[in-house]
Protein backbone atom coordinates (compact mmCIF):
# COMPACT_ATOMS: atom_id res chain seq x y z
CA MET A 1 -4.01 -4.19 21.35
CA SER A 2 -2.31 -4.30 17.99
CA VAL A 3 -0.82 -7.36 16.36
CA ASN A 4 2.93 -7.53 15.79
CA SER A 5 2.70 -7.84 12.02
CA LYS A 6 6.31 -9.05 11.78
CA THR A 7 5.35 -12.31 13.48
CA VAL A 8 1.93 -13.05 11.93
CA GLN A 9 1.73 -16.62 10.63
CA GLY A 10 -0.50 -17.81 7.78
CA ARG A 11 -0.21 -14.85 5.44
CA ARG A 12 -0.91 -15.42 1.74
CA ASP A 13 1.95 -15.53 -0.76
CA VAL A 14 0.97 -12.66 -3.04
CA SER A 15 2.84 -11.55 -6.16
CA PHE A 16 1.78 -8.81 -8.55
CA GLN A 17 3.40 -8.08 -11.92
CA THR A 18 1.12 -5.14 -12.76
CA LEU A 19 -1.19 -2.72 -11.00
CA GLU A 20 -4.03 -4.48 -12.80
CA ASP A 21 -3.01 -7.67 -10.94
CA LEU A 22 -3.43 -5.71 -7.71
CA VAL A 23 -6.94 -4.62 -8.71
CA ALA A 24 -7.89 -8.17 -9.73
CA ASP A 25 -6.75 -9.53 -6.35
CA ALA A 26 -8.64 -6.81 -4.48
CA GLU A 27 -11.75 -7.64 -6.53
CA ARG A 28 -11.45 -11.33 -5.57
CA LEU A 29 -11.03 -10.45 -1.91
CA VAL A 30 -14.05 -8.14 -1.93
CA ALA A 31 -16.15 -10.72 -3.81
CA SER A 32 -15.37 -13.43 -1.28
CA PRO A 33 -18.12 -13.31 1.36
CA LYS A 34 -15.85 -14.36 4.21
CA THR A 35 -12.53 -12.64 3.59
CA ARG A 36 -10.80 -11.98 6.89
CA THR A 37 -7.60 -10.19 7.81
CA ILE A 38 -4.98 -11.46 10.23
CA GLY A 39 -3.15 -8.20 10.79
CA ASN A 40 -4.09 -4.88 12.31
CA TRP A 41 -6.35 -3.52 9.59
CA PRO A 42 -9.68 -4.60 8.10
CA LEU A 43 -9.79 -5.15 4.35
CA VAL A 44 -11.68 -1.91 3.71
CA LYS A 45 -8.86 0.12 5.31
CA LEU A 46 -6.15 -1.85 3.50
CA ILE A 47 -7.71 -1.22 0.09
CA LYS A 48 -8.39 2.45 0.85
CA HIS A 49 -4.79 2.84 2.08
CA LEU A 50 -3.43 1.37 -1.15
CA SER A 51 -5.62 3.58 -3.33
CA GLN A 52 -4.72 6.70 -1.36
CA THR A 53 -1.02 5.91 -1.66
CA ILE A 54 -1.34 5.61 -5.44
CA HIS A 55 -3.28 8.89 -5.63
CA ASN A 56 -0.64 10.55 -3.45
CA SER A 57 2.16 9.34 -5.72
CA ILE A 58 0.51 11.46 -8.42
CA ASP A 59 -0.84 14.38 -6.38
CA GLY A 60 1.79 14.61 -3.64
CA PHE A 61 1.76 13.72 0.04
CA GLN A 62 0.50 15.95 2.83
CA SER A 63 3.23 14.92 5.24
CA LYS A 64 6.94 14.17 5.28
CA ALA A 65 8.98 11.78 7.35
CA PRO A 66 11.23 13.32 10.00
CA LEU A 67 14.42 14.86 8.61
CA TRP A 68 16.72 12.09 9.82
CA ILE A 69 14.59 9.51 7.97
CA ARG A 70 14.58 11.64 4.80
CA LEU A 71 18.37 11.77 4.98
CA ILE A 72 18.86 8.02 5.53
CA MET A 73 16.07 6.31 3.57
CA PRO A 74 17.16 7.43 0.08
CA LEU A 75 20.27 5.29 0.66
CA PHE A 76 18.01 2.22 0.99
CA LYS A 77 15.61 3.03 -1.86
CA GLY A 78 17.44 0.84 -4.40
CA HIS A 79 17.48 -2.11 -2.01
CA VAL A 80 13.77 -1.75 -1.25
CA LEU A 81 12.89 -1.51 -4.95
CA LYS A 82 15.00 -4.56 -5.87
CA ALA A 83 13.67 -6.73 -3.03
CA LYS A 84 11.28 -9.51 -4.02
CA LYS A 85 9.07 -8.83 -0.98
CA MET A 86 8.44 -5.93 1.38
CA SER A 87 8.68 -6.74 5.06
CA PRO A 88 5.75 -5.83 7.31
CA GLY A 89 6.09 -4.09 10.62
CA ILE A 90 6.63 -0.40 9.96
CA ASN A 91 4.75 1.33 12.75
CA LEU A 92 3.54 4.81 12.03
CA PRO A 93 3.03 7.33 14.80
CA LYS A 94 -0.59 7.24 15.98
CA ALA A 95 -1.17 10.74 14.63
CA ALA A 96 -0.15 9.58 11.13
CA GLU A 97 -2.30 6.42 11.12
CA ALA A 98 -5.57 8.27 10.52
CA ASP A 99 -4.11 9.93 7.41
CA ALA A 100 -2.45 6.74 6.15
CA TYR A 101 -5.49 4.51 6.73
CA PRO A 102 -8.52 6.66 5.85
CA GLU A 103 -12.10 5.60 6.30
CA ALA A 104 -14.24 4.31 3.47
CA SER A 105 -17.99 3.86 3.75
CA SER A 106 -17.85 0.38 2.22
CA LEU A 107 -15.61 -2.21 0.61
CA GLN A 108 -17.18 -1.31 -2.73
CA GLU A 109 -16.27 2.37 -2.28
CA ALA A 110 -12.68 1.43 -1.40
CA LEU A 111 -12.44 -0.92 -4.39
CA ASP A 112 -13.88 1.69 -6.76
CA ASP A 113 -11.30 4.19 -5.50
CA LEU A 114 -8.50 1.67 -6.06
CA ARG A 115 -9.73 1.18 -9.64
CA ARG A 116 -9.74 4.98 -10.16
CA ALA A 117 -6.24 5.32 -8.70
CA VAL A 118 -4.82 2.61 -10.96
CA ALA A 119 -6.62 4.07 -13.99
CA ARG A 120 -4.99 7.44 -13.27
CA THR A 121 -1.53 5.84 -13.54
CA LYS A 122 -2.23 5.21 -17.24
CA THR A 123 -2.74 8.88 -18.06
CA GLU A 124 -0.89 10.71 -15.27
CA ARG A 125 2.69 10.41 -14.02
CA MET A 126 3.50 9.13 -10.56
CA GLU A 127 6.37 11.45 -9.77
CA ALA A 128 5.51 12.98 -6.40
CA VAL A 129 8.23 13.13 -3.78
CA HIS A 130 8.02 10.11 -1.47
CA PRO A 131 7.76 11.14 2.21
CA ALA A 132 10.88 9.11 3.11
CA PHE A 133 12.68 8.08 -0.12
CA GLY A 134 12.52 11.46 -1.86
CA LYS A 135 12.34 11.79 -5.66
CA MET A 136 11.05 8.75 -7.51
CA THR A 137 10.31 7.96 -11.13
CA HIS A 138 7.00 6.64 -12.42
CA ASP A 139 8.53 3.17 -12.81
CA GLU A 140 9.99 3.23 -9.30
CA TRP A 141 6.58 4.19 -7.94
CA THR A 142 4.98 1.31 -9.82
CA THR A 143 7.44 -1.17 -8.33
CA LEU A 144 6.97 0.28 -4.85
CA HIS A 145 3.17 0.10 -5.15
CA LEU A 146 3.35 -3.54 -6.25
CA ARG A 147 5.57 -4.62 -3.33
CA HIS A 148 3.60 -2.46 -0.86
CA SER A 149 0.29 -3.92 -2.04
CA GLU A 150 1.58 -7.49 -1.93
CA MET A 151 2.66 -7.00 1.66
CA HIS A 152 -0.63 -5.50 2.82
CA LEU A 153 -2.94 -7.86 0.93
CA SER A 154 -0.96 -10.88 2.16
CA PHE A 155 -2.80 -10.31 5.45
CA ALA A 156 -6.21 -10.77 3.73
CA LEU A 157 -7.46 -14.35 3.54
CA PRO A 158 -10.43 -15.18 1.31
CA LYS A 159 -12.62 -18.17 2.18
């Protein structure tokens, strides 16, 4: 049974100014021997999801949101990018979860992939079409990755 992530209590207050801040937080979480998550996903899947999303913002996404979402969501893109926090609780169809939350053999593998993804953003442009928001600039992608990562890693609690 999955957790309703909209109602989870005890999440961390996480704020990233740069993608390097994201990597540093992920490194701290991985280094902590008793990090636990209070949402639906283990830390290894959260970190792999974040790295894959960054890679996809450079390479392109394999899937698109349904047409009605692609027509409506661009209207909300500015609001989402200007928001101080991203709200949890977007439920993907079960078929899309496996693609969005890929497996990693270890936390170290997931962390290394996150480091590679962030390093790519220094030499390659994040300009792929977002599956729901449509065209985005490199700077818009950076902002979206920061808010997205804050939301997901707020569910990870180091001890």
